PDB file of N, CA and C in Angstrom:
ATOM      1  N   MET A   1     105.393 110.636 129.920  1.00  0.00           N
ATOM      2  CA  MET A   1     104.239 110.480 129.077  1.00  0.00           C
ATOM      3  C   MET A   1     104.729 110.346 127.631  1.00  0.00           C
ATOM      4  N   SER A   2     104.123 109.428 126.900  1.00  0.00           N
ATOM      5  CA  SER A   2     104.496 109.274 125.493  1.00  0.00           C
ATOM      6  C   SER A   2     103.237 109.189 124.640  1.00  0.00           C
ATOM      7  N   PHE A   3     103.383 109.588 123.418  1.00  0.00           N
ATOM      8  CA  PHE A   3     102.285 109.570 122.461  1.00  0.00           C
ATOM      9  C   PHE A   3     102.692 108.732 121.266  1.00  0.00           C
ATOM     10  N   LYS A   4     101.765 107.981 120.792  1.00  0.00           N
ATOM     11  CA  LYS A   4     102.002 107.213 119.576  1.00  0.00           C
ATOM     12  C   LYS A   4     101.237 107.894 118.444  1.00  0.00           C
ATOM     13  N   THR A   5     101.942 108.246 117.409  1.00  0.00           N
ATOM     14  CA  THR A   5     101.292 108.859 116.258  1.00  0.00           C
ATOM     15  C   THR A   5     101.479 107.953 115.052  1.00  0.00           C
ATOM     16  N   SER A   6     100.529 107.961 114.205  1.00  0.00           N
ATOM     17  CA  SER A   6     100.649 107.185 112.974  1.00  0.00           C
ATOM     18  C   SER A   6     100.315 108.088 111.799  1.00  0.00           C
ATOM     19  N   LYS A   7     100.896 107.766 110.681  1.00  0.00           N
ATOM     20  CA  LYS A   7     100.704 108.552 109.479  1.00  0.00           C
ATOM     21  C   LYS A   7      99.652 107.870 108.615  1.00  0.00           C
ATOM     22  N   SER A   8      98.734 108.652 108.092  1.00  0.00           N
ATOM     23  CA  SER A   8      97.686 108.101 107.238  1.00  0.00           C
ATOM     24  C   SER A   8      98.276 107.620 105.922  1.00  0.00           C
ATOM     25  N   THR A   9      97.712 106.536 105.403  1.00  0.00           N
ATOM     26  CA  THR A   9      98.154 106.020 104.103  1.00  0.00           C
ATOM     27  C   THR A   9      97.197 106.441 102.991  1.00  0.00           C
ATOM     28  N   ILE A  10      96.243 107.296 103.313  1.00  0.00           N
ATOM     29  CA  ILE A  10      95.295 107.770 102.310  1.00  0.00           C
ATOM     30  C   ILE A  10      95.843 109.042 101.682  1.00  0.00           C
ATOM     31  N   ARG A  11      95.833 109.087 100.375  1.00  0.00           N
ATOM     32  CA  ARG A  11      96.324 110.242  99.628  1.00  0.00           C
ATOM     33  C   ARG A  11      95.197 110.843  98.809  1.00  0.00           C
ATOM     34  N   THR A  12      95.231 112.149  98.674  1.00  0.00           N
ATOM     35  CA  THR A  12      94.264 112.872  97.842  1.00  0.00           C
ATOM     36  C   THR A  12      94.884 113.084  96.478  1.00  0.00           C
ATOM     37  N   ILE A  13      94.134 112.724  95.442  1.00  0.00           N
ATOM     38  CA  ILE A  13      94.610 112.999  94.092  1.00  0.00           C
ATOM     39  C   ILE A  13      93.610 113.922  93.409  1.00  0.00           C
ATOM     40  N   LYS A  14      94.142 114.891  92.706  1.00  0.00           N
ATOM     41  CA  LYS A  14      93.309 115.904  92.061  1.00  0.00           C
ATOM     42  C   LYS A  14      93.289 115.689  90.565  1.00  0.00           C
ATOM     43  N   GLN A  15      92.466 116.433  89.898  1.00  0.00           N
ATOM     44  CA  GLN A  15      92.187 116.226  88.490  1.00  0.00           C
ATOM     45  C   GLN A  15      93.437 116.225  87.609  1.00  0.00           C
ATOM     46  N   GLY A  16      94.428 117.029  87.879  1.00  0.00           N
ATOM     47  CA  GLY A  16      95.626 117.082  87.035  1.00  0.00           C
ATOM     48  C   GLY A  16      96.684 116.054  87.380  1.00  0.00           C
ATOM     49  N   ASP A  17      96.518 115.330  88.492  1.00  0.00           N
ATOM     50  CA  ASP A  17      97.516 114.356  88.930  1.00  0.00           C
ATOM     51  C   ASP A  17      97.537 113.133  88.016  1.00  0.00           C
ATOM     52  N   PRO A  18      98.714 112.503  87.865  1.00  0.00           N
ATOM     53  CA  PRO A  18      98.834 111.358  86.958  1.00  0.00           C
ATOM     54  C   PRO A  18      97.925 110.173  87.295  1.00  0.00           C
ATOM     55  N   ASN A  19      97.650 109.930  88.556  1.00  0.00           N
ATOM     56  CA  ASN A  19      96.840 108.772  88.944  1.00  0.00           C
ATOM     57  C   ASN A  19      95.351 109.072  89.013  1.00  0.00           C
ATOM     58  N   PHE A  20      94.936 110.256  88.562  1.00  0.00           N
ATOM     59  CA  PHE A  20      93.524 110.614  88.654  1.00  0.00           C
ATOM     60  C   PHE A  20      92.663 109.770  87.722  1.00  0.00           C
ATOM     61  N   HIS A  21      93.232 109.309  86.631  1.00  0.00           N
ATOM     62  CA  HIS A  21      92.468 108.503  85.669  1.00  0.00           C
ATOM     63  C   HIS A  21      92.796 107.016  85.812  1.00  0.00           C
ATOM     64  N   ILE A  22      91.795 106.197  85.615  1.00  0.00           N
ATOM     65  CA  ILE A  22      91.929 104.738  85.629  1.00  0.00           C
ATOM     66  C   ILE A  22      91.985 104.294  84.169  1.00  0.00           C
ATOM     67  N   HIS A  23      92.934 103.427  83.861  1.00  0.00           N
ATOM     68  CA  HIS A  23      93.111 102.972  82.482  1.00  0.00           C
ATOM     69  C   HIS A  23      92.957 101.457  82.407  1.00  0.00           C
ATOM     70  N   ASP A  24      92.293 100.990  81.382  1.00  0.00           N
ATOM     71  CA  ASP A  24      92.371  99.575  81.029  1.00  0.00           C
ATOM     72  C   ASP A  24      92.600  99.522  79.524  1.00  0.00           C
ATOM     73  N   SER A  25      92.462  98.383  78.929  1.00  0.00           N
ATOM     74  CA  SER A  25      92.804  98.264  77.508  1.00  0.00           C
ATOM     75  C   SER A  25      91.835  99.005  76.591  1.00  0.00           C
ATOM     76  N   LEU A  26      90.635  99.328  77.062  1.00  0.00           N
ATOM     77  CA  LEU A  26      89.643  99.978  76.209  1.00  0.00           C
ATOM     78  C   LEU A  26      89.243 101.375  76.653  1.00  0.00           C
ATOM     79  N   VAL A  27      89.259 101.625  77.943  1.00  0.00           N
ATOM     80  CA  VAL A  27      88.656 102.848  78.475  1.00  0.00           C
ATOM     81  C   VAL A  27      89.611 103.564  79.421  1.00  0.00           C
ATOM     82  N   THR A  28      89.561 104.888  79.377  1.00  0.00           N
ATOM     83  CA  THR A  28      90.200 105.730  80.381  1.00  0.00           C
ATOM     84  C   THR A  28      89.086 106.518  81.055  1.00  0.00           C
ATOM     85  N   ALA A  29      89.035 106.429  82.381  1.00  0.00           N
ATOM     86  CA  ALA A  29      87.951 107.083  83.119  1.00  0.00           C
ATOM     87  C   ALA A  29      88.524 107.790  84.344  1.00  0.00           C
ATOM     88  N   PRO A  30      87.939 108.917  84.720  1.00  0.00           N
ATOM     89  CA  PRO A  30      88.391 109.585  85.946  1.00  0.00           C
ATOM     90  C   PRO A  30      87.975 108.792  87.185  1.00  0.00           C
ATOM     91  N   ARG A  31      88.788 108.867  88.221  1.00  0.00           N
ATOM     92  CA  ARG A  31      88.462 108.186  89.479  1.00  0.00           C
ATOM     93  C   ARG A  31      87.329 108.873  90.217  1.00  0.00           C
ATOM     94  N   ALA A  32      87.129 110.151  89.979  1.00  0.00           N
ATOM     95  CA  ALA A  32      86.095 110.907  90.685  1.00  0.00           C
ATOM     96  C   ALA A  32      85.401 111.832  89.702  1.00  0.00           C
ATOM     97  N   GLY A  33      84.214 112.222  90.046  1.00  0.00           N
ATOM     98  CA  GLY A  33      83.473 113.140  89.193  1.00  0.00           C
ATOM     99  C   GLY A  33      82.183 113.538  89.867  1.00  0.00           C
ATOM    100  N   PHE A  34      81.306 114.100  89.097  1.00  0.00           N
ATOM    101  CA  PHE A  34      80.014 114.543  89.599  1.00  0.00           C
ATOM    102  C   PHE A  34      78.924 113.832  88.813  1.00  0.00           C
ATOM    103  N   GLU A  35      77.900 113.412  89.495  1.00  0.00           N
ATOM    104  CA  GLU A  35      76.718 112.882  88.824  1.00  0.00           C
ATOM    105  C   GLU A  35      75.558 113.765  89.237  1.00  0.00           C
ATOM    106  N   ILE A  36      75.002 114.457  88.259  1.00  0.00           N
ATOM    107  CA  ILE A  36      73.910 115.392  88.533  1.00  0.00           C
ATOM    108  C   ILE A  36      72.647 114.836  87.895  1.00  0.00           C
ATOM    109  N   ASN A  37      71.620 114.694  88.684  1.00  0.00           N
ATOM    110  CA  ASN A  37      70.353 114.149  88.234  1.00  0.00           C
ATOM    111  C   ASN A  37      69.792 114.996  87.097  1.00  0.00           C
ATOM    112  N   GLN A  38      69.208 114.340  86.109  1.00  0.00           N
ATOM    113  CA  GLN A  38      68.663 115.064  84.963  1.00  0.00           C
ATOM    114  C   GLN A  38      67.470 115.949  85.326  1.00  0.00           C
ATOM    115  N   ASN A  39      66.863 115.734  86.474  1.00  0.00           N
ATOM    116  CA  ASN A  39      65.715 116.530  86.904  1.00  0.00           C
ATOM    117  C   ASN A  39      66.093 117.793  87.675  1.00  0.00           C
ATOM    118  N   ILE A  40      67.383 118.090  87.724  1.00  0.00           N
ATOM    119  CA  ILE A  40      67.815 119.283  88.450  1.00  0.00           C
ATOM    120  C   ILE A  40      67.207 120.526  87.779  1.00  0.00           C
ATOM    121  N   PRO A  41      66.712 121.476  88.570  1.00  0.00           N
ATOM    122  CA  PRO A  41      66.180 122.710  87.971  1.00  0.00           C
ATOM    123  C   PRO A  41      67.266 123.445  87.188  1.00  0.00           C
ATOM    124  N   TYR A  42      66.878 124.063  86.102  1.00  0.00           N
ATOM    125  CA  TYR A  42      67.813 124.706  85.182  1.00  0.00           C
ATOM    126  C   TYR A  42      68.679 125.755  85.882  1.00  0.00           C
ATOM    127  N   ASN A  43      68.097 126.554  86.771  1.00  0.00           N
ATOM    128  CA  ASN A  43      68.883 127.602  87.435  1.00  0.00           C
ATOM    129  C   ASN A  43      69.956 126.999  88.349  1.00  0.00           C
ATOM    130  N   TYR A  44      69.693 125.870  88.963  1.00  0.00           N
ATOM    131  CA  TYR A  44      70.701 125.194  89.775  1.00  0.00           C
ATOM    132  C   TYR A  44      71.810 124.640  88.885  1.00  0.00           C
ATOM    133  N   LYS A  45      71.423 124.109  87.743  1.00  0.00           N
ATOM    134  CA  LYS A  45      72.408 123.590  86.795  1.00  0.00           C
ATOM    135  C   LYS A  45      73.370 124.699  86.366  1.00  0.00           C
ATOM    136  N   LEU A  46      72.830 125.901  86.112  1.00  0.00           N
ATOM    137  CA  LEU A  46      73.675 127.038  85.735  1.00  0.00           C
ATOM    138  C   LEU A  46      74.636 127.427  86.854  1.00  0.00           C
ATOM    139  N   ILE A  47      74.144 127.405  88.083  1.00  0.00           N
ATOM    140  CA  ILE A  47      74.986 127.758  89.229  1.00  0.00           C
ATOM    141  C   ILE A  47      76.115 126.749  89.383  1.00  0.00           C
ATOM    142  N   ILE A  48      75.793 125.471  89.324  1.00  0.00           N
ATOM    143  CA  ILE A  48      76.817 124.429  89.457  1.00  0.00           C
ATOM    144  C   ILE A  48      77.824 124.525  88.315  1.00  0.00           C
ATOM    145  N   SER A  49      77.347 124.749  87.108  1.00  0.00           N
ATOM    146  CA  SER A  49      78.229 124.881  85.953  1.00  0.00           C
ATOM    147  C   SER A  49      79.194 126.050  86.128  1.00  0.00           C
ATOM    148  N   GLU A  50      78.695 127.171  86.602  1.00  0.00           N
ATOM    149  CA  GLU A  50      79.557 128.332  86.831  1.00  0.00           C
ATOM    150  C   GLU A  50      80.599 128.045  87.908  1.00  0.00           C
ATOM    151  N   CYS A  51      80.189 127.377  88.976  1.00  0.00           N
ATOM    152  CA  CYS A  51      81.128 127.035  90.052  1.00  0.00           C
ATOM    153  C   CYS A  51      82.241 126.115  89.557  1.00  0.00           C
ATOM    154  N   ILE A  52      81.900 125.141  88.725  1.00  0.00           N
ATOM    155  CA  ILE A  52      82.909 124.240  88.165  1.00  0.00           C
ATOM    156  C   ILE A  52      83.821 125.014  87.220  1.00  0.00           C
ATOM    157  N   ASP A  53      83.248 125.842  86.348  1.00  0.00           N
ATOM    158  CA  ASP A  53      84.036 126.620  85.394  1.00  0.00           C
ATOM    159  C   ASP A  53      85.026 127.561  86.083  1.00  0.00           C
ATOM    160  N   LYS A  54      84.625 128.140  87.226  1.00  0.00           N
ATOM    161  CA  LYS A  54      85.492 129.071  87.945  1.00  0.00           C
ATOM    162  C   LYS A  54      86.444 128.368  88.908  1.00  0.00           C
ATOM    163  N   GLY A  55      86.335 127.041  89.019  1.00  0.00           N
ATOM    164  CA  GLY A  55      87.239 126.293  89.881  1.00  0.00           C
ATOM    165  C   GLY A  55      86.861 126.289  91.340  1.00  0.00           C
ATOM    166  N   TRP A  56      85.648 126.708  91.650  1.00  0.00           N
ATOM    167  CA  TRP A  56      85.198 126.710  93.040  1.00  0.00           C
ATOM    168  C   TRP A  56      84.791 125.313  93.490  1.00  0.00           C
ATOM    169  N   ILE A  57      84.383 124.472  92.559  1.00  0.00           N
ATOM    170  CA  ILE A  57      84.070 123.064  92.830  1.00  0.00           C
ATOM    171  C   ILE A  57      84.981 122.244  91.927  1.00  0.00           C
ATOM    172  N   LYS A  58      85.744 121.323  92.537  1.00  0.00           N
ATOM    173  CA  LYS A  58      86.682 120.502  91.776  1.00  0.00           C
ATOM    174  C   LYS A  58      86.531 119.042  92.206  1.00  0.00           C
ATOM    175  N   PRO A  59      86.654 118.126  91.265  1.00  0.00           N
ATOM    176  CA  PRO A  59      86.626 116.719  91.664  1.00  0.00           C
ATOM    177  C   PRO A  59      87.957 116.319  92.302  1.00  0.00           C
ATOM    178  N   VAL A  60      87.888 115.547  93.374  1.00  0.00           N
ATOM    179  CA  VAL A  60      89.067 114.955  93.997  1.00  0.00           C
ATOM    180  C   VAL A  60      88.741 113.498  94.277  1.00  0.00           C
ATOM    181  N   ALA A  61      89.770 112.686  94.343  1.00  0.00           N
ATOM    182  CA  ALA A  61      89.598 111.270  94.669  1.00  0.00           C
ATOM    183  C   ALA A  61      90.568 110.931  95.794  1.00  0.00           C
ATOM    184  N   TYR A  62      90.254 109.880  96.495  1.00  0.00           N
ATOM    185  CA  TYR A  62      91.124 109.412  97.571  1.00  0.00           C
ATOM    186  C   TYR A  62      91.575 108.010  97.234  1.00  0.00           C
ATOM    187  N   ILE A  63      92.843 107.749  97.458  1.00  0.00           N
ATOM    188  CA  ILE A  63      93.438 106.462  97.125  1.00  0.00           C
ATOM    189  C   ILE A  63      94.440 106.115  98.221  1.00  0.00           C
ATOM    190  N   THR A  64      94.551 104.839  98.538  1.00  0.00           N
ATOM    191  CA  THR A  64      95.543 104.438  99.533  1.00  0.00           C
ATOM    192  C   THR A  64      96.908 104.346  98.863  1.00  0.00           C
ATOM    193  N   GLU A  65      97.950 104.444  99.671  1.00  0.00           N
ATOM    194  CA  GLU A  65      99.304 104.315  99.126  1.00  0.00           C
ATOM    195  C   GLU A  65      99.484 102.961  98.444  1.00  0.00           C
ATOM    196  N   ARG A  66      98.860 101.928  98.983  1.00  0.00           N
ATOM    197  CA  ARG A  66      98.972 100.593  98.387  1.00  0.00           C
ATOM    198  C   ARG A  66      98.365 100.571  96.978  1.00  0.00           C
ATOM    199  N   GLU A  67      97.171 101.147  96.833  1.00  0.00           N
ATOM    200  CA  GLU A  67      96.540 101.215  95.509  1.00  0.00           C
ATOM    201  C   GLU A  67      97.398 102.024  94.542  1.00  0.00           C
ATOM    202  N   MET A  68      97.967 103.125  95.050  1.00  0.00           N
ATOM    203  CA  MET A  68      98.811 103.966  94.223  1.00  0.00           C
ATOM    204  C   MET A  68     100.054 103.200  93.762  1.00  0.00           C
ATOM    205  N   LEU A  69     100.638 102.430  94.672  1.00  0.00           N
ATOM    206  CA  LEU A  69     101.809 101.617  94.343  1.00  0.00           C
ATOM    207  C   LEU A  69     101.470 100.599  93.265  1.00  0.00           C
ATOM    208  N   PHE A  70     100.368  99.870  93.446  1.00  0.00           N
ATOM    209  CA  PHE A  70      99.985  98.849  92.456  1.00  0.00           C
ATOM    210  C   PHE A  70      99.597  99.469  91.126  1.00  0.00           C
ATOM    211  N   ALA A  71      98.992 100.644  91.137  1.00  0.00           N
ATOM    212  CA  ALA A  71      98.662 101.326  89.879  1.00  0.00           C
ATOM    213  C   ALA A  71      99.937 101.684  89.134  1.00  0.00           C
ATOM    214  N   GLY A  72     100.966 102.098  89.864  1.00  0.00           N
ATOM    215  CA  GLY A  72     102.247 102.419  89.236  1.00  0.00           C
ATOM    216  C   GLY A  72     102.952 101.195  88.689  1.00  0.00           C
ATOM    217  N   LEU A  73     102.824 100.068  89.375  1.00  0.00           N
ATOM    218  CA  LEU A  73     103.485  98.842  88.929  1.00  0.00           C
ATOM    219  C   LEU A  73     102.826  98.236  87.704  1.00  0.00           C
ATOM    220  N   SER A  74     101.523  98.478  87.544  1.00  0.00           N
ATOM    221  CA  SER A  74     100.799  97.839  86.445  1.00  0.00           C
ATOM    222  C   SER A  74     100.954  98.581  85.120  1.00  0.00           C
ATOM    223  N   LYS A  75     101.626  99.706  85.123  1.00  0.00           N
ATOM    224  CA  LYS A  75     101.786 100.470  83.879  1.00  0.00           C
ATOM    225  C   LYS A  75     102.887  99.923  83.031  1.00  0.00           C
TER     226      LYS A  75
END
């Protein structure tokens, strides 16, 4: 019996990682973030803010190895 395994080419990048931000000639922007509707109740906004401040909620992005390679080459 044999098994074929393959390795994923998707990588997780976190906020402090070098490839977390996208750069062009005018703007630098994070690859991931949070969008919170302006109609969110105030008490929920406070809870989410506290969770982010304490590091319980963190933005992460996913990128393929190919995208990561091309991002490195374009610098």
